[in-house]
């Protein structure tokens, strides 16, 4: 459940062991699309517990704790959640009872406790794995998500499904991407500030802006691309242990980021956020709005997933484009810039229309072959291509060696391992 986990399993060749998948946020990464088509899609969002039981799953993996939540969740007016009393509920007691307001047990200051059903699933012989930055017990979360957090997740999944060799290959692949991103950052010399805007409409009044905060996967990806997440360290006690925060327009405008990353998801398109920003007088004077310094990023790339390294490379590439107009490498992670002419046309009748002359990346040609010296972005590209070539060569050698030994590339998961 959740796209990051789905893509992790597909990246390890486990599509034939997948009883189903659910809650895909955007387009499956093209490199896994063929494998994804072999997997049954149980639901557009979370599958019901009845659907999960029907496919007789031995194991459930997820990016977010909500995939294991009790239904109805024990908070006022909420009928969200997955598992009911008809299957493994009620979900209470040790390992299940956590609280809505950041671990407090003061009933007068919270909307109500919620149940997580992982202990009950384990009792029913259904194993579970939850990505560590969203562990229900915040004391078990990594203080700061790093590239190593991604590698550790892959190692654990590889061990669970007995595909350790493939997991090692995937780690090498992602590590090469992260290394390429770091090389590109050093050669371009950019040091940008950034804010990631997930969606608009959070908070009690429904007027807040949900941004990537804390030191989770969003912060890790931005830092890997040489960007400073301006909400990376949130002073408020309420948000310091969480990966997102609900903030006001004034807070974002006051921080004035160099670039604004806009989440692209099936449930909230990036262009909808642009419509909002350019049709609100509060945003018209913000420099990053006037310059349209926007980067589109798939939600699936902002969560822990196998495309994190590629997303970091593409973020550097798109940042270079915004600053200079140059066109650089694209690893097709889904991270992208917007077409300037399209933005001008789209905002023409809104309160804050755009002009091509305000966008640094409109009408600026890439450096020509006549240049005496290679520009920094070109040096970065060479480093990226070298890393990718080395990675492909290593992978080809590995697969040739396996086939020569008469061993399959991917190891089938056994039900005994899945239940363990």
Protein backbone atom coordinates (compact mmCIF):
# COMPACT_ATOMS: atom_id res chain seq x y z
CA UNK A 1 0.00 0.00 0.00
CA UNK A 2 1.24 3.48 -1.05
CA UNK A 3 3.22 4.12 -4.20
CA UNK A 4 6.68 4.32 -2.66
CA UNK A 5 6.35 0.80 -1.27
CA UNK A 6 4.83 -0.49 -4.50
CA UNK A 7 7.79 0.83 -6.48
CA UNK A 8 10.29 -0.59 -3.96
CA UNK A 9 8.81 -4.08 -4.46
CA UNK A 10 8.68 -3.69 -8.24
CA UNK A 11 12.29 -2.49 -8.23
CA UNK A 12 13.26 -5.75 -6.53
CA UNK A 13 11.44 -7.89 -9.07
CA UNK A 14 8.71 -8.99 -6.66
CA UNK A 15 5.69 -8.30 -8.87
CA UNK A 16 4.84 -12.02 -9.09
CA UNK A 17 4.73 -12.18 -5.29
CA UNK A 18 2.39 -9.20 -4.93
CA UNK A 19 -1.20 -10.12 -4.10
CA UNK A 20 -2.20 -6.55 -4.90
CA UNK A 21 -1.46 -2.87 -4.53
CA UNK A 22 -3.44 0.19 -3.46
CA UNK A 23 -3.26 3.97 -3.12
CA UNK A 24 -1.12 5.03 -6.08
CA UNK A 25 -0.61 8.80 -5.94
CA UNK A 26 0.55 9.57 -9.50
CA UNK A 27 2.04 7.87 -12.55
CA UNK A 28 4.04 4.70 -11.89
CA UNK A 29 7.69 5.32 -12.76
CA UNK A 30 7.98 4.25 -16.44
CA UNK A 31 10.86 1.85 -15.71
CA UNK A 32 8.45 -0.24 -13.55
CA UNK A 33 5.31 0.19 -15.64
CA UNK A 34 5.55 -3.21 -17.37
CA UNK A 35 5.96 -5.03 -14.05
CA UNK A 36 3.18 -2.95 -12.45
CA UNK A 37 0.70 -4.13 -15.08
CA UNK A 38 1.08 -7.67 -13.70
CA UNK A 39 -0.16 -6.60 -10.28
CA UNK A 40 -3.82 -6.46 -9.26
CA UNK A 41 -4.92 -2.96 -8.24
CA UNK A 42 -7.21 -3.49 -5.26
CA UNK A 43 -8.38 0.10 -4.85
CA UNK A 44 -7.76 3.66 -6.03
CA UNK A 45 -7.06 4.65 -2.44
CA UNK A 46 -6.73 2.27 0.52
CA UNK A 47 -8.15 -1.19 0.06
CA UNK A 48 -10.77 -2.25 2.60
CA UNK A 49 -9.88 -4.91 5.12
CA UNK A 50 -12.34 -7.21 3.36
CA UNK A 51 -10.45 -6.78 0.07
CA UNK A 52 -7.16 -7.48 1.80
CA UNK A 53 -8.50 -10.65 3.37
CA UNK A 54 -9.97 -11.81 0.05
CA UNK A 55 -6.54 -11.89 -1.62
CA UNK A 56 -5.12 -13.83 1.35
CA UNK A 57 -2.10 -11.57 1.79
CA UNK A 58 0.70 -12.96 3.97
CA UNK A 59 2.38 -9.58 4.35
CA UNK A 60 1.42 -5.89 4.10
CA UNK A 61 3.94 -3.09 3.47
CA UNK A 62 3.25 0.65 3.51
CA UNK A 63 4.84 4.09 3.55
CA UNK A 64 2.34 5.58 5.99
CA UNK A 65 0.82 4.46 9.26
CA UNK A 66 -2.65 5.29 7.96
CA UNK A 67 -2.45 2.06 5.92
CA UNK A 68 -2.76 0.13 9.19
CA UNK A 69 -5.32 2.33 10.93
CA UNK A 70 -8.48 1.23 12.68
CA UNK A 71 -11.87 2.10 11.18
CA UNK A 72 -13.56 4.14 12.42
CA UNK A 73 -10.67 6.08 13.88
CA UNK A 74 -11.44 7.10 17.42
CA UNK A 75 -11.59 10.80 16.86
CA UNK A 76 -14.53 13.13 16.52
CA UNK A 77 -16.47 12.79 13.27
CA UNK A 78 -13.87 10.61 11.52
CA UNK A 79 -14.87 7.45 9.67
CA UNK A 80 -11.48 7.02 8.01
CA UNK A 81 -9.28 4.00 8.50
CA UNK A 82 -8.91 0.50 7.10
CA UNK A 83 -9.41 -2.34 9.59
CA UNK A 84 -12.75 -3.01 11.29
CA UNK A 85 -14.07 -5.30 14.00
CA UNK A 86 -15.20 -7.67 11.24
CA UNK A 87 -11.57 -8.63 10.64
CA UNK A 88 -8.81 -7.83 13.17
CA UNK A 89 -10.37 -5.02 15.26
CA UNK A 90 -10.77 -3.68 17.83
CA UNK A 91 -7.22 -2.35 17.63
CA UNK A 92 -6.27 -1.25 21.12
CA UNK A 93 -3.72 -2.02 23.78
CA UNK A 94 0.06 -2.16 23.66
CA UNK A 95 1.45 -1.30 20.24
CA UNK A 96 -1.92 -0.05 19.03
CA UNK A 97 -2.90 2.95 21.13
CA UNK A 98 -1.31 6.17 19.93
CA UNK A 99 -2.70 9.64 20.21
CA UNK A 100 -3.71 12.32 17.78
CA UNK A 101 -1.76 15.16 19.37
CA UNK A 102 1.86 14.03 19.08
CA UNK A 103 1.89 11.35 21.76
CA UNK A 104 0.10 13.25 24.52
CA UNK A 105 -2.16 11.23 26.80
CA UNK A 106 -4.03 14.27 28.06
CA UNK A 107 -7.56 13.54 26.87
CA UNK A 108 -8.63 17.18 27.27
CA UNK A 109 -6.08 18.33 24.69
CA UNK A 110 -6.66 15.91 21.86
CA UNK A 111 -9.26 14.92 19.33
CA UNK A 112 -9.11 11.34 20.53
CA UNK A 113 -6.84 8.30 20.38
CA UNK A 114 -6.51 6.26 17.24
CA UNK A 115 -5.73 2.59 16.84
CA UNK A 116 -3.05 1.07 14.68
CA UNK A 117 -3.78 -2.55 13.86
CA UNK A 118 -0.32 -3.97 13.26
CA UNK A 119 -0.24 -6.06 16.49
CA UNK A 120 -3.62 -7.54 15.62
CA UNK A 121 -2.48 -8.31 12.06
CA UNK A 122 0.57 -10.09 13.44
CA UNK A 123 -1.69 -12.15 15.71
CA UNK A 124 -3.61 -13.12 12.57
CA UNK A 125 -0.33 -14.29 10.95
CA UNK A 126 -0.18 -11.33 8.57
CA UNK A 127 3.23 -9.67 8.74
CA UNK A 128 3.61 -5.90 8.36
CA UNK A 129 6.40 -3.44 7.52
CA UNK A 130 6.07 0.33 7.88
CA UNK A 131 8.60 2.82 6.55
CA UNK A 132 10.60 4.02 9.57
CA UNK A 133 10.15 7.79 9.20
CA UNK A 134 6.42 7.21 9.86
CA UNK A 135 6.78 4.71 12.70
CA UNK A 136 3.86 5.05 15.15
CA UNK A 137 6.34 5.23 18.02
CA UNK A 138 8.19 8.45 17.25
CA UNK A 139 11.02 7.38 19.50
CA UNK A 140 11.91 4.74 16.90
CA UNK A 141 12.02 7.12 13.95
CA UNK A 142 15.42 8.29 12.65
CA UNK A 143 16.18 11.77 14.00
CA UNK A 144 17.04 12.86 10.46
CA UNK A 145 16.15 11.02 7.27
CA UNK A 146 19.24 10.60 5.08
CA UNK A 147 20.26 8.63 2.03
CA UNK A 148 21.18 5.84 4.44
CA UNK A 149 17.51 5.73 5.51
CA UNK A 150 16.62 4.72 1.95
CA UNK A 151 19.35 2.08 1.84
CA UNK A 152 18.34 0.64 5.21
CA UNK A 153 14.73 0.30 4.05
CA UNK A 154 15.84 -1.58 0.94
CA UNK A 155 18.07 -3.90 2.99
CA UNK A 156 15.18 -4.74 5.32
CA UNK A 157 12.75 -5.41 2.48
CA UNK A 158 15.38 -7.48 0.67
CA UNK A 159 15.93 -9.60 3.79
CA UNK A 160 12.20 -10.11 4.37
CA UNK A 161 11.63 -11.34 0.82
CA UNK A 162 14.97 -13.15 0.45
CA UNK A 163 16.21 -11.01 -2.46
CA UNK A 164 19.34 -9.62 -0.82
CA UNK A 165 21.41 -9.64 -4.03
CA UNK A 166 18.79 -7.66 -5.91
CA UNK A 167 18.46 -5.26 -2.97
CA UNK A 168 22.22 -4.65 -3.11
CA UNK A 169 21.97 -3.85 -6.84
CA UNK A 170 19.14 -1.40 -6.19
CA UNK A 171 21.11 0.32 -3.43
CA UNK A 172 24.12 0.68 -5.76
CA UNK A 173 21.84 2.18 -8.41
CA UNK A 174 20.27 4.73 -6.07
CA UNK A 175 23.64 5.54 -4.48
CA UNK A 176 25.03 6.32 -7.96
CA UNK A 177 22.11 8.71 -8.51
CA UNK A 178 22.69 10.48 -5.20
CA UNK A 179 26.42 10.73 -5.95
CA UNK A 180 25.65 12.20 -9.36
CA UNK A 181 23.36 14.77 -7.75
CA UNK A 182 26.07 15.77 -5.28
CA UNK A 183 28.64 16.10 -8.07
CA UNK A 184 26.24 18.24 -10.07
CA UNK A 185 25.56 20.48 -7.06
CA UNK A 186 29.29 21.02 -6.52
CA UNK A 187 29.90 21.85 -10.17
CA UNK A 188 26.93 24.17 -10.60
CA UNK A 189 27.63 25.82 -7.25
CA UNK A 190 23.96 26.58 -6.64
CA UNK A 191 22.70 26.92 -3.09
CA UNK A 192 18.98 27.48 -3.29
CA UNK A 193 16.33 27.79 -0.62
CA UNK A 194 13.14 25.87 -1.22
CA UNK A 195 9.71 25.04 0.14
CA UNK A 196 7.65 22.03 -0.91
CA UNK A 197 3.91 22.73 -1.11
CA UNK A 198 1.86 19.55 -0.82
CA UNK A 199 -1.69 20.89 -0.84
CA UNK A 200 -3.80 23.91 0.05
CA UNK A 201 -6.64 23.73 2.57
CA UNK A 202 -5.29 22.34 5.84
CA UNK A 203 -6.00 23.60 9.35
CA UNK A 204 -9.21 24.20 11.27
CA UNK A 205 -10.27 26.98 8.91
CA UNK A 206 -9.27 25.09 5.75
CA UNK A 207 -7.06 27.98 4.62
CA UNK A 208 -3.63 26.62 5.55
CA UNK A 209 -0.79 25.42 3.33
CA UNK A 210 0.56 21.91 3.90
CA UNK A 211 4.34 21.97 3.43
CA UNK A 212 7.22 19.53 3.74
CA UNK A 213 8.71 20.14 7.19
CA UNK A 214 10.82 18.46 9.83
CA UNK A 215 13.62 16.20 8.74
CA UNK A 216 11.89 13.40 6.85
CA UNK A 217 12.07 12.25 3.22
CA UNK A 218 11.17 15.67 1.77
CA UNK A 219 14.02 17.32 3.63
CA UNK A 220 16.42 14.53 2.62
CA UNK A 221 15.65 14.89 -1.10
CA UNK A 222 15.96 18.69 -1.05
CA UNK A 223 19.27 18.55 0.78
CA UNK A 224 20.58 15.92 -1.63
CA UNK A 225 19.83 18.36 -4.45
CA UNK A 226 21.74 21.16 -2.71
CA UNK A 227 18.64 22.96 -1.50
CA UNK A 228 17.82 24.25 1.98
CA UNK A 229 14.32 23.34 3.07
CA UNK A 230 13.08 26.50 4.80
CA UNK A 231 10.66 24.44 6.87
CA UNK A 232 13.25 21.75 7.54
CA UNK A 233 13.49 22.78 11.18
CA UNK A 234 10.18 23.98 12.55
CA UNK A 235 10.39 25.75 15.91
CA UNK A 236 6.92 24.68 16.97
CA UNK A 237 6.94 21.69 19.34
CA UNK A 238 3.89 20.42 17.46
CA UNK A 239 5.78 19.89 14.21
CA UNK A 240 9.37 19.17 15.10
CA UNK A 241 8.91 15.38 14.97
CA UNK A 242 6.66 15.36 11.91
CA UNK A 243 7.41 15.38 8.19
CA UNK A 244 4.82 18.01 7.28
CA UNK A 245 3.36 21.20 8.74
CA UNK A 246 0.27 23.33 8.15
CA UNK A 247 1.41 26.95 7.78
CA UNK A 248 -0.01 30.27 6.62
CA UNK A 249 0.54 32.14 3.36
CA UNK A 250 2.27 34.90 5.33
CA UNK A 251 4.83 32.41 6.70
CA UNK A 252 5.74 31.17 3.22
CA UNK A 253 5.87 34.67 1.70
CA UNK A 254 8.04 35.97 4.54
CA UNK A 255 10.59 33.18 3.98
CA UNK A 256 10.70 34.03 0.24
CA UNK A 257 12.16 30.76 -1.14
CA UNK A 258 14.24 30.75 -4.30
CA UNK A 259 12.09 27.94 -5.66
CA UNK A 260 8.69 26.51 -4.76
CA UNK A 261 8.24 22.78 -5.29
CA UNK A 262 4.66 21.86 -6.16
CA UNK A 263 3.41 18.33 -5.54
CA UNK A 264 1.87 16.61 -8.54
CA UNK A 265 -0.67 13.96 -7.50
CA UNK A 266 -3.81 12.44 -8.93
CA UNK A 267 -5.71 13.99 -6.03
CA UNK A 268 -4.18 17.48 -6.41
CA UNK A 269 -2.47 18.64 -9.60
CA UNK A 270 0.43 21.09 -9.46
CA UNK A 271 -1.33 23.44 -11.91
CA UNK A 272 -4.24 23.78 -9.47
CA UNK A 273 -1.79 25.25 -6.95
CA UNK A 274 -0.47 27.66 -9.59
CA UNK A 275 -4.05 28.79 -10.30
CA UNK A 276 -4.49 29.48 -6.58
CA UNK A 277 -1.22 31.38 -6.17
CA UNK A 278 -1.86 33.61 -9.19
CA UNK A 279 -5.46 34.33 -8.29
CA UNK A 280 -4.83 35.60 -4.76
CA UNK A 281 -3.68 39.17 -4.12
CA UNK A 282 -1.66 38.00 -1.11
CA UNK A 283 0.78 36.20 -3.41
CA UNK A 284 1.15 38.76 -6.22
CA UNK A 285 4.16 40.55 -4.72
CA UNK A 286 6.09 37.39 -3.82
CA UNK A 287 9.27 37.31 -5.97
CA UNK A 288 9.14 33.55 -6.55
CA UNK A 289 5.55 33.91 -7.79
CA UNK A 290 6.41 36.82 -10.09
CA UNK A 291 9.32 34.83 -11.55
CA UNK A 292 7.33 31.55 -11.67
CA UNK A 293 10.22 29.73 -10.03
CA UNK A 294 8.21 26.53 -9.74
CA UNK A 295 9.31 22.90 -9.88
CA UNK A 296 6.81 20.09 -10.30
CA UNK A 297 7.57 16.97 -8.24
CA UNK A 298 5.46 13.78 -8.06
CA UNK A 299 4.22 12.92 -4.60
CA UNK A 300 5.74 9.47 -5.08
CA UNK A 301 9.20 11.07 -5.43
CA UNK A 302 8.80 13.03 -2.20
CA UNK A 303 8.12 9.88 -0.14
CA UNK A 304 10.75 7.22 0.54
CA UNK A 305 10.97 5.32 -2.76
CA UNK A 306 13.46 3.94 -5.30
CA UNK A 307 13.20 7.14 -7.34
CA UNK A 308 14.61 9.38 -4.57
CA UNK A 309 18.12 9.45 -6.05
CA UNK A 310 16.88 10.15 -9.58
CA UNK A 311 14.60 12.87 -8.19
CA UNK A 312 17.62 14.53 -6.55
CA UNK A 313 19.48 14.53 -9.89
CA UNK A 314 16.47 15.95 -11.72
CA UNK A 315 16.01 18.63 -9.05
CA UNK A 316 19.55 19.86 -9.67
CA UNK A 317 18.88 19.78 -13.41
CA UNK A 318 15.61 21.72 -13.16
CA UNK A 319 17.14 24.23 -10.71
CA UNK A 320 19.90 24.85 -13.26
CA UNK A 321 17.24 25.39 -15.90
CA UNK A 322 15.34 27.89 -13.75
CA UNK A 323 18.53 29.85 -13.05
CA UNK A 324 20.05 29.84 -16.54
CA UNK A 325 17.57 28.44 -19.03
CA UNK A 326 19.97 25.58 -19.83
CA UNK A 327 18.54 22.17 -20.62
CA UNK A 328 20.27 19.34 -18.79
CA UNK A 329 19.87 15.64 -18.11
CA UNK A 330 16.49 14.15 -17.26
CA UNK A 331 16.28 10.81 -15.43
CA UNK A 332 12.49 10.91 -15.87
CA UNK A 333 11.74 10.82 -12.14
CA UNK A 334 8.78 13.09 -12.86
CA UNK A 335 10.52 16.19 -11.50
CA UNK A 336 10.12 18.91 -14.13
CA UNK A 337 9.88 22.61 -14.91
CA UNK A 338 6.80 24.21 -16.46
CA UNK A 339 6.63 25.57 -19.98
CA UNK A 340 6.90 29.40 -19.68
CA UNK A 341 4.47 30.15 -22.51
CA UNK A 342 1.90 27.79 -21.00
CA UNK A 343 2.20 29.57 -17.65
CA UNK A 344 1.76 32.98 -19.27
CA UNK A 345 -1.35 31.77 -21.09
CA UNK A 346 -2.76 30.05 -18.00
CA UNK A 347 -2.36 33.10 -15.74
CA UNK A 348 -3.29 35.77 -18.29
CA UNK A 349 -6.75 36.40 -16.82
CA UNK A 350 -5.82 35.85 -13.17
CA UNK A 351 -4.97 38.49 -10.56
CA UNK A 352 -1.22 37.87 -10.89
CA UNK A 353 -0.50 37.31 -14.60
CA UNK A 354 2.97 36.22 -15.62
CA UNK A 355 5.26 37.80 -18.18
CA UNK A 356 7.96 35.97 -20.10
CA UNK A 357 10.40 38.79 -19.34
CA UNK A 358 10.15 38.01 -15.61
CA UNK A 359 11.18 34.38 -16.05
CA UNK A 360 14.93 33.77 -16.22
CA UNK A 361 14.41 30.49 -17.98
CA UNK A 362 12.27 31.80 -20.86
CA UNK A 363 14.10 32.37 -24.12
CA UNK A 364 17.58 31.68 -22.70
CA UNK A 365 19.64 29.44 -24.96
CA UNK A 366 21.76 26.61 -23.69
CA UNK A 367 25.54 27.15 -23.95
CA UNK A 368 26.90 26.51 -27.46
CA UNK A 369 29.72 24.26 -28.61
CA UNK A 370 31.71 27.43 -29.38
CA UNK A 371 32.30 28.10 -25.69
CA UNK A 372 35.97 28.08 -24.74
CA UNK A 373 35.29 26.29 -21.46
CA UNK A 374 32.79 23.72 -20.43
CA UNK A 375 30.12 25.36 -18.24
CA UNK A 376 29.55 24.00 -14.76
CA UNK A 377 26.28 22.36 -15.70
CA UNK A 378 27.98 20.45 -18.55
CA UNK A 379 30.66 19.16 -16.19
CA UNK A 380 27.89 17.98 -13.90
CA UNK A 381 26.23 16.19 -16.81
CA UNK A 382 29.44 14.37 -17.67
CA UNK A 383 29.69 13.19 -14.05
CA UNK A 384 26.11 11.97 -14.18
CA UNK A 385 26.63 10.07 -17.44
CA UNK A 386 29.81 8.46 -16.12
CA UNK A 387 27.99 7.31 -12.98
CA UNK A 388 25.13 5.91 -15.02
CA UNK A 389 27.46 4.12 -17.44
CA UNK A 390 29.35 2.51 -14.56
CA UNK A 391 26.06 1.45 -12.99
CA UNK A 392 24.71 -0.13 -16.20
CA UNK A 393 27.99 -1.95 -16.79
CA UNK A 394 28.04 -3.33 -13.24
CA UNK A 395 24.41 -4.47 -13.54
CA UNK A 396 25.05 -6.17 -16.87
CA UNK A 397 28.06 -8.01 -15.46
CA UNK A 398 26.04 -9.12 -12.44
CA UNK A 399 23.17 -10.47 -14.55
CA UNK A 400 25.57 -12.24 -16.93
CA UNK A 401 27.31 -13.93 -13.98
CA UNK A 402 24.00 -15.05 -12.50
CA UNK A 403 22.75 -16.48 -15.78
CA UNK A 404 26.06 -18.24 -16.42
CA UNK A 405 25.70 -19.97 -13.05
CA UNK A 406 22.21 -21.08 -13.96
CA UNK A 407 20.66 -18.92 -11.24
CA UNK A 408 17.56 -16.76 -11.78
CA UNK A 409 17.95 -13.01 -11.60
CA UNK A 410 15.16 -12.70 -9.06
CA UNK A 411 14.50 -15.06 -6.17
CA UNK A 412 10.92 -16.15 -5.63
CA UNK A 413 9.53 -15.33 -2.21
CA UNK A 414 8.23 -18.27 -0.21
CA UNK A 415 5.10 -18.05 1.87
CA UNK A 416 7.10 -19.15 4.90
CA UNK A 417 9.46 -16.18 4.56
CA UNK A 418 6.54 -13.83 3.92
CA UNK A 419 4.83 -14.99 7.12
CA UNK A 420 7.99 -14.70 9.21
